[in-house]
């Protein structure tokens, strides 16, 4: 019973070839599935990447320091 069930699932039932099925105009391949450019950029990718994560770390630390100064702890 289970053998026939798995046999049906494993069988490919495409009615056309894989080349004919692809009908979208998007590029395929490495780095084409992300929403930003990695290569051939005016600004290297590392600069906005490091800036984004640095701000995400620095802003809460600065907020804590300000609050502790107001409270008289520092």
PDB file of N, CA and C in Angstrom:
ATOM      1  N   UNK A   1       0.823  -1.186   0.000  1.00  0.00           N
ATOM      2  CA  UNK A   1       0.000   0.000   0.000  1.00  0.00           C
ATOM      3  C   UNK A   1       0.874   1.261   0.000  1.00  0.00           C
ATOM      4  N   UNK A   2       1.848   1.313   0.907  1.00  0.00           N
ATOM      5  CA  UNK A   2       2.707   2.491   0.979  1.00  0.00           C
ATOM      6  C   UNK A   2       3.657   2.574  -0.209  1.00  0.00           C
ATOM      7  N   UNK A   3       4.037   1.425  -0.742  1.00  0.00           N
ATOM      8  CA  UNK A   3       4.959   1.426  -1.876  1.00  0.00           C
ATOM      9  C   UNK A   3       4.337   2.132  -3.076  1.00  0.00           C
ATOM     10  N   UNK A   4       3.082   1.893  -3.327  1.00  0.00           N
ATOM     11  CA  UNK A   4       2.410   2.554  -4.449  1.00  0.00           C
ATOM     12  C   UNK A   4       2.232   4.049  -4.193  1.00  0.00           C
ATOM     13  N   UNK A   5       1.998   4.401  -2.951  1.00  0.00           N
ATOM     14  CA  UNK A   5       1.844   5.808  -2.605  1.00  0.00           C
ATOM     15  C   UNK A   5       3.139   6.574  -2.876  1.00  0.00           C
ATOM     16  N   UNK A   6       4.259   6.025  -2.425  1.00  0.00           N
ATOM     17  CA  UNK A   6       5.553   6.672  -2.647  1.00  0.00           C
ATOM     18  C   UNK A   6       5.944   6.634  -4.120  1.00  0.00           C
ATOM     19  N   UNK A   7       5.519   5.609  -4.818  1.00  0.00           N
ATOM     20  CA  UNK A   7       5.819   5.494  -6.240  1.00  0.00           C
ATOM     21  C   UNK A   7       5.143   6.624  -7.016  1.00  0.00           C
ATOM     22  N   UNK A   8       3.910   6.948  -6.651  1.00  0.00           N
ATOM     23  CA  UNK A   8       3.197   8.033  -7.311  1.00  0.00           C
ATOM     24  C   UNK A   8       3.838   9.384  -6.996  1.00  0.00           C
ATOM     25  N   UNK A   9       4.289   9.559  -5.769  1.00  0.00           N
ATOM     26  CA  UNK A   9       4.892  10.828  -5.385  1.00  0.00           C
ATOM     27  C   UNK A   9       6.244  11.033  -6.051  1.00  0.00           C
ATOM     28  N   UNK A  10       6.983   9.968  -6.270  1.00  0.00           N
ATOM     29  CA  UNK A  10       8.324  10.080  -6.833  1.00  0.00           C
ATOM     30  C   UNK A  10       8.305  10.292  -8.339  1.00  0.00           C
ATOM     31  N   UNK A  11       7.197   9.980  -8.983  1.00  0.00           N
ATOM     32  CA  UNK A  11       7.130  10.093 -10.436  1.00  0.00           C
ATOM     33  C   UNK A  11       6.928  11.556 -10.844  1.00  0.00           C
ATOM     34  N   UNK A  12       7.714  12.021 -11.812  1.00  0.00           N
ATOM     35  CA  UNK A  12       7.560  13.373 -12.330  1.00  0.00           C
ATOM     36  C   UNK A  12       6.419  13.383 -13.339  1.00  0.00           C
ATOM     37  N   UNK A  13       5.555  14.334 -13.211  1.00  0.00           N
ATOM     38  CA  UNK A  13       4.404  14.396 -14.103  1.00  0.00           C
ATOM     39  C   UNK A  13       4.349  15.726 -14.846  1.00  0.00           C
ATOM     40  N   UNK A  14       5.504  16.248 -15.273  1.00  0.00           N
ATOM     41  CA  UNK A  14       5.511  17.493 -16.017  1.00  0.00           C
ATOM     42  C   UNK A  14       5.079  17.227 -17.452  1.00  0.00           C
ATOM     43  N   UNK A  15       4.294  18.135 -17.977  1.00  0.00           N
ATOM     44  CA  UNK A  15       3.821  17.942 -19.342  1.00  0.00           C
ATOM     45  C   UNK A  15       4.702  18.653 -20.366  1.00  0.00           C
ATOM     46  N   UNK A  16       5.657  19.461 -19.912  1.00  0.00           N
ATOM     47  CA  UNK A  16       6.576  20.117 -20.840  1.00  0.00           C
ATOM     48  C   UNK A  16       7.980  20.094 -20.250  1.00  0.00           C
ATOM     49  N   UNK A  17       8.940  20.436 -21.064  1.00  0.00           N
ATOM     50  CA  UNK A  17      10.319  20.401 -20.584  1.00  0.00           C
ATOM     51  C   UNK A  17      10.578  21.563 -19.631  1.00  0.00           C
ATOM     52  N   UNK A  18      11.667  21.488 -18.896  1.00  0.00           N
ATOM     53  CA  UNK A  18      11.964  22.525 -17.911  1.00  0.00           C
ATOM     54  C   UNK A  18      12.275  23.861 -18.575  1.00  0.00           C
ATOM     55  N   UNK A  19      12.841  23.865 -19.773  1.00  0.00           N
ATOM     56  CA  UNK A  19      13.137  25.114 -20.477  1.00  0.00           C
ATOM     57  C   UNK A  19      11.848  25.840 -20.868  1.00  0.00           C
ATOM     58  N   UNK A  20      10.840  25.098 -21.268  1.00  0.00           N
ATOM     59  CA  UNK A  20       9.588  25.721 -21.667  1.00  0.00           C
ATOM     60  C   UNK A  20       8.794  26.211 -20.464  1.00  0.00           C
ATOM     61  N   UNK A  21       8.989  25.607 -19.314  1.00  0.00           N
ATOM     62  CA  UNK A  21       8.246  26.002 -18.125  1.00  0.00           C
ATOM     63  C   UNK A  21       8.729  27.340 -17.577  1.00  0.00           C
ATOM     64  N   UNK A  22       9.992  27.680 -17.770  1.00  0.00           N
ATOM     65  CA  UNK A  22      10.529  28.932 -17.254  1.00  0.00           C
ATOM     66  C   UNK A  22      10.088  30.055 -18.186  1.00  0.00           C
ATOM     67  N   UNK A  23       9.220  30.917 -17.690  1.00  0.00           N
ATOM     68  CA  UNK A  23       8.704  31.981 -18.533  1.00  0.00           C
ATOM     69  C   UNK A  23       8.823  33.348 -17.870  1.00  0.00           C
ATOM     70  N   UNK A  24       9.624  33.451 -16.822  1.00  0.00           N
ATOM     71  CA  UNK A  24       9.791  34.744 -16.175  1.00  0.00           C
ATOM     72  C   UNK A  24      11.066  35.416 -16.677  1.00  0.00           C
ATOM     73  N   UNK A  25      11.101  36.752 -16.659  1.00  0.00           N
ATOM     74  CA  UNK A  25      12.255  37.469 -17.221  1.00  0.00           C
ATOM     75  C   UNK A  25      13.412  37.669 -16.246  1.00  0.00           C
ATOM     76  N   UNK A  26      13.354  37.065 -15.074  1.00  0.00           N
ATOM     77  CA  UNK A  26      14.370  37.301 -14.059  1.00  0.00           C
ATOM     78  C   UNK A  26      15.619  36.483 -14.320  1.00  0.00           C
ATOM     79  N   UNK A  27      16.769  37.050 -13.936  1.00  0.00           N
ATOM     80  CA  UNK A  27      18.024  36.328 -14.074  1.00  0.00           C
ATOM     81  C   UNK A  27      18.087  35.235 -13.018  1.00  0.00           C
ATOM     82  N   UNK A  28      18.840  34.203 -13.305  1.00  0.00           N
ATOM     83  CA  UNK A  28      19.039  33.131 -12.348  1.00  0.00           C
ATOM     84  C   UNK A  28      20.519  33.002 -12.067  1.00  0.00           C
ATOM     85  N   UNK A  29      20.837  32.507 -10.890  1.00  0.00           N
ATOM     86  CA  UNK A  29      22.229  32.275 -10.556  1.00  0.00           C
ATOM     87  C   UNK A  29      22.611  32.913  -9.234  1.00  0.00           C
ATOM     88  N   UNK A  30      23.906  32.861  -8.955  1.00  0.00           N
ATOM     89  CA  UNK A  30      24.429  33.376  -7.700  1.00  0.00           C
ATOM     90  C   UNK A  30      24.260  34.896  -7.653  1.00  0.00           C
ATOM     91  N   UNK A  31      23.875  35.419  -6.501  1.00  0.00           N
ATOM     92  CA  UNK A  31      23.674  36.846  -6.217  1.00  0.00           C
ATOM     93  C   UNK A  31      22.506  37.462  -6.981  1.00  0.00           C
ATOM     94  N   UNK A  32      21.726  36.703  -7.702  1.00  0.00           N
ATOM     95  CA  UNK A  32      20.588  37.284  -8.405  1.00  0.00           C
ATOM     96  C   UNK A  32      19.310  37.181  -7.579  1.00  0.00           C
ATOM     97  N   UNK A  33      19.351  36.459  -6.468  1.00  0.00           N
ATOM     98  CA  UNK A  33      18.149  36.270  -5.662  1.00  0.00           C
ATOM     99  C   UNK A  33      18.133  37.157  -4.425  1.00  0.00           C
ATOM    100  N   UNK A  34      18.998  38.179  -4.356  1.00  0.00           N
ATOM    101  CA  UNK A  34      19.001  39.100  -3.229  1.00  0.00           C
ATOM    102  C   UNK A  34      18.633  40.492  -3.725  1.00  0.00           C
ATOM    103  N   UNK A  35      17.993  41.307  -2.884  1.00  0.00           N
ATOM    104  CA  UNK A  35      17.462  42.589  -3.358  1.00  0.00           C
ATOM    105  C   UNK A  35      18.466  43.735  -3.392  1.00  0.00           C
ATOM    106  N   UNK A  36      19.767  43.455  -3.396  1.00  0.00           N
ATOM    107  CA  UNK A  36      20.769  44.504  -3.472  1.00  0.00           C
ATOM    108  C   UNK A  36      21.975  43.986  -4.238  1.00  0.00           C
ATOM    109  N   UNK A  37      22.763  44.918  -4.774  1.00  0.00           N
ATOM    110  CA  UNK A  37      23.943  44.537  -5.538  1.00  0.00           C
ATOM    111  C   UNK A  37      25.097  44.246  -4.590  1.00  0.00           C
ATOM    112  N   UNK A  38      25.870  43.226  -4.893  1.00  0.00           N
ATOM    113  CA  UNK A  38      27.058  42.908  -4.117  1.00  0.00           C
ATOM    114  C   UNK A  38      28.301  43.268  -4.923  1.00  0.00           C
ATOM    115  N   UNK A  39      28.281  43.004  -6.210  1.00  0.00           N
ATOM    116  CA  UNK A  39      29.413  43.301  -7.082  1.00  0.00           C
ATOM    117  C   UNK A  39      29.128  44.560  -7.898  1.00  0.00           C
ATOM    118  N   UNK A  40      30.184  45.212  -8.359  1.00  0.00           N
ATOM    119  CA  UNK A  40      30.102  46.410  -9.204  1.00  0.00           C
ATOM    120  C   UNK A  40      29.310  47.529  -8.536  1.00  0.00           C
ATOM    121  N   UNK A  41      29.645  47.826  -7.290  1.00  0.00           N
ATOM    122  CA  UNK A  41      28.993  48.904  -6.550  1.00  0.00           C
ATOM    123  C   UNK A  41      29.911  50.109  -6.481  1.00  0.00           C
ATOM    124  N   UNK A  42      29.325  51.315  -6.374  1.00  0.00           N
ATOM    125  CA  UNK A  42      30.137  52.518  -6.175  1.00  0.00           C
ATOM    126  C   UNK A  42      30.717  52.523  -4.764  1.00  0.00           C
ATOM    127  N   UNK A  43      29.893  52.187  -3.781  1.00  0.00           N
ATOM    128  CA  UNK A  43      30.344  52.061  -2.397  1.00  0.00           C
ATOM    129  C   UNK A  43      30.473  50.570  -2.118  1.00  0.00           C
ATOM    130  N   UNK A  44      31.616  50.113  -1.595  1.00  0.00           N
ATOM    131  CA  UNK A  44      31.751  48.679  -1.298  1.00  0.00           C
ATOM    132  C   UNK A  44      30.651  48.205  -0.348  1.00  0.00           C
ATOM    133  N   UNK A  45      30.207  46.982  -0.522  1.00  0.00           N
ATOM    134  CA  UNK A  45      29.091  46.454   0.263  1.00  0.00           C
ATOM    135  C   UNK A  45      29.387  46.462   1.756  1.00  0.00           C
ATOM    136  N   UNK A  46      30.639  46.307   2.143  1.00  0.00           N
ATOM    137  CA  UNK A  46      30.987  46.217   3.563  1.00  0.00           C
ATOM    138  C   UNK A  46      30.668  47.505   4.317  1.00  0.00           C
ATOM    139  N   UNK A  47      30.749  48.649   3.670  1.00  0.00           N
ATOM    140  CA  UNK A  47      30.531  49.922   4.369  1.00  0.00           C
ATOM    141  C   UNK A  47      29.090  50.057   4.870  1.00  0.00           C
ATOM    142  N   UNK A  48      28.049  49.929   4.037  1.00  0.00           N
ATOM    143  CA  UNK A  48      26.690  50.018   4.596  1.00  0.00           C
ATOM    144  C   UNK A  48      26.363  48.858   5.535  1.00  0.00           C
ATOM    145  N   UNK A  49      26.953  47.700   5.286  1.00  0.00           N
ATOM    146  CA  UNK A  49      26.703  46.537   6.141  1.00  0.00           C
ATOM    147  C   UNK A  49      27.230  46.797   7.552  1.00  0.00           C
ATOM    148  N   UNK A  50      28.478  47.225   7.652  1.00  0.00           N
ATOM    149  CA  UNK A  50      29.078  47.499   8.963  1.00  0.00           C
ATOM    150  C   UNK A  50      28.387  48.682   9.631  1.00  0.00           C
ATOM    151  N   UNK A  51      28.036  49.711   8.869  1.00  0.00           N
ATOM    152  CA  UNK A  51      27.344  50.875   9.426  1.00  0.00           C
ATOM    153  C   UNK A  51      25.996  50.487  10.011  1.00  0.00           C
ATOM    154  N   UNK A  52      25.246  49.667   9.314  1.00  0.00           N
ATOM    155  CA  UNK A  52      23.929  49.231   9.789  1.00  0.00           C
ATOM    156  C   UNK A  52      24.038  48.506  11.127  1.00  0.00           C
ATOM    157  N   UNK A  53      24.960  47.549  11.214  1.00  0.00           N
ATOM    158  CA  UNK A  53      25.093  46.786  12.452  1.00  0.00           C
ATOM    159  C   UNK A  53      25.745  47.604  13.561  1.00  0.00           C
ATOM    160  N   UNK A  54      26.650  48.523  13.216  1.00  0.00           N
ATOM    161  CA  UNK A  54      27.268  49.372  14.236  1.00  0.00           C
ATOM    162  C   UNK A  54      26.232  50.300  14.862  1.00  0.00           C
ATOM    163  N   UNK A  55      25.379  50.900  14.041  1.00  0.00           N
ATOM    164  CA  UNK A  55      24.325  51.759  14.582  1.00  0.00           C
ATOM    165  C   UNK A  55      23.346  50.966  15.438  1.00  0.00           C
ATOM    166  N   UNK A  56      23.045  49.763  15.025  1.00  0.00           N
ATOM    167  CA  UNK A  56      22.148  48.918  15.810  1.00  0.00           C
ATOM    168  C   UNK A  56      22.717  48.564  17.170  1.00  0.00           C
ATOM    169  N   UNK A  57      24.033  48.568  17.303  1.00  0.00           N
ATOM    170  CA  UNK A  57      24.664  48.285  18.590  1.00  0.00           C
ATOM    171  C   UNK A  57      24.897  49.568  19.382  1.00  0.00           C
ATOM    172  N   UNK A  58      25.296  50.646  18.717  1.00  0.00           N
ATOM    173  CA  UNK A  58      25.674  51.876  19.410  1.00  0.00           C
ATOM    174  C   UNK A  58      24.463  52.612  19.978  1.00  0.00           C
ATOM    175  N   UNK A  59      23.360  52.665  19.264  1.00  0.00           N
ATOM    176  CA  UNK A  59      22.190  53.428  19.716  1.00  0.00           C
ATOM    177  C   UNK A  59      21.680  52.948  21.082  1.00  0.00           C
ATOM    178  N   UNK A  60      21.487  51.651  21.332  1.00  0.00           N
ATOM    179  CA  UNK A  60      21.048  51.236  22.671  1.00  0.00           C
ATOM    180  C   UNK A  60      22.094  51.522  23.752  1.00  0.00           C
ATOM    181  N   UNK A  61      23.375  51.395  23.427  1.00  0.00           N
ATOM    182  CA  UNK A  61      24.426  51.665  24.418  1.00  0.00           C
ATOM    183  C   UNK A  61      24.413  53.140  24.797  1.00  0.00           C
ATOM    184  N   UNK A  62      24.285  54.017  23.821  1.00  0.00           N
ATOM    185  CA  UNK A  62      24.221  55.454  24.100  1.00  0.00           C
ATOM    186  C   UNK A  62      22.982  55.774  24.930  1.00  0.00           C
ATOM    187  N   UNK A  63      21.862  55.144  24.630  1.00  0.00           N
ATOM    188  CA  UNK A  63      20.637  55.378  25.399  1.00  0.00           C
ATOM    189  C   UNK A  63      20.819  54.958  26.855  1.00  0.00           C
ATOM    190  N   UNK A  64      21.490  53.843  27.095  1.00  0.00           N
ATOM    191  CA  UNK A  64      21.731  53.381  28.469  1.00  0.00           C
ATOM    192  C   UNK A  64      22.644  54.352  29.202  1.00  0.00           C
ATOM    193  N   UNK A  65      23.692  54.819  28.541  1.00  0.00           N
ATOM    194  CA  UNK A  65      24.620  55.767  29.176  1.00  0.00           C
ATOM    195  C   UNK A  65      23.895  57.056  29.543  1.00  0.00           C
ATOM    196  N   UNK A  66      23.060  57.565  28.646  1.00  0.00           N
ATOM    197  CA  UNK A  66      22.311  58.792  28.933  1.00  0.00           C
ATOM    198  C   UNK A  66      21.379  58.586  30.124  1.00  0.00           C
ATOM    199  N   UNK A  67      20.672  57.469  30.156  1.00  0.00           N
ATOM    200  CA  UNK A  67      19.743  57.211  31.256  1.00  0.00           C
ATOM    201  C   UNK A  67      20.479  57.048  32.584  1.00  0.00           C
ATOM    202  N   UNK A  68      21.638  56.409  32.556  1.00  0.00           N
ATOM    203  CA  UNK A  68      22.394  56.232  33.796  1.00  0.00           C
ATOM    204  C   UNK A  68      22.990  57.551  34.277  1.00  0.00           C
ATOM    205  N   UNK A  69      23.371  58.432  33.366  1.00  0.00           N
ATOM    206  CA  UNK A  69      23.854  59.758  33.778  1.00  0.00           C
ATOM    207  C   UNK A  69      22.729  60.570  34.398  1.00  0.00           C
ATOM    208  N   UNK A  70      21.542  60.479  33.845  1.00  0.00           N
ATOM    209  CA  UNK A  70      20.394  61.197  34.415  1.00  0.00           C
ATOM    210  C   UNK A  70      20.065  60.692  35.817  1.00  0.00           C
ATOM    211  N   UNK A  71      20.229  59.383  36.005  1.00  0.00           N
ATOM    212  CA  UNK A  71      19.921  58.795  37.310  1.00  0.00           C
ATOM    213  C   UNK A  71      21.056  59.008  38.313  1.00  0.00           C
ATOM    214  N   UNK A  72      22.212  59.478  37.863  1.00  0.00           N
ATOM    215  CA  UNK A  72      23.333  59.722  38.756  1.00  0.00           C
ATOM    216  C   UNK A  72      24.168  58.497  39.036  1.00  0.00           C
ATOM    217  N   UNK A  73      24.015  57.451  38.265  1.00  0.00           N
ATOM    218  CA  UNK A  73      24.777  56.218  38.472  1.00  0.00           C
ATOM    219  C   UNK A  73      26.190  56.384  37.927  1.00  0.00           C
ATOM    220  N   UNK A  74      26.331  57.068  36.828  1.00  0.00           N
ATOM    221  CA  UNK A  74      27.664  57.257  36.226  1.00  0.00           C
ATOM    222  C   UNK A  74      28.179  58.626  36.607  1.00  0.00           C
TER     223      UNK A  74
END
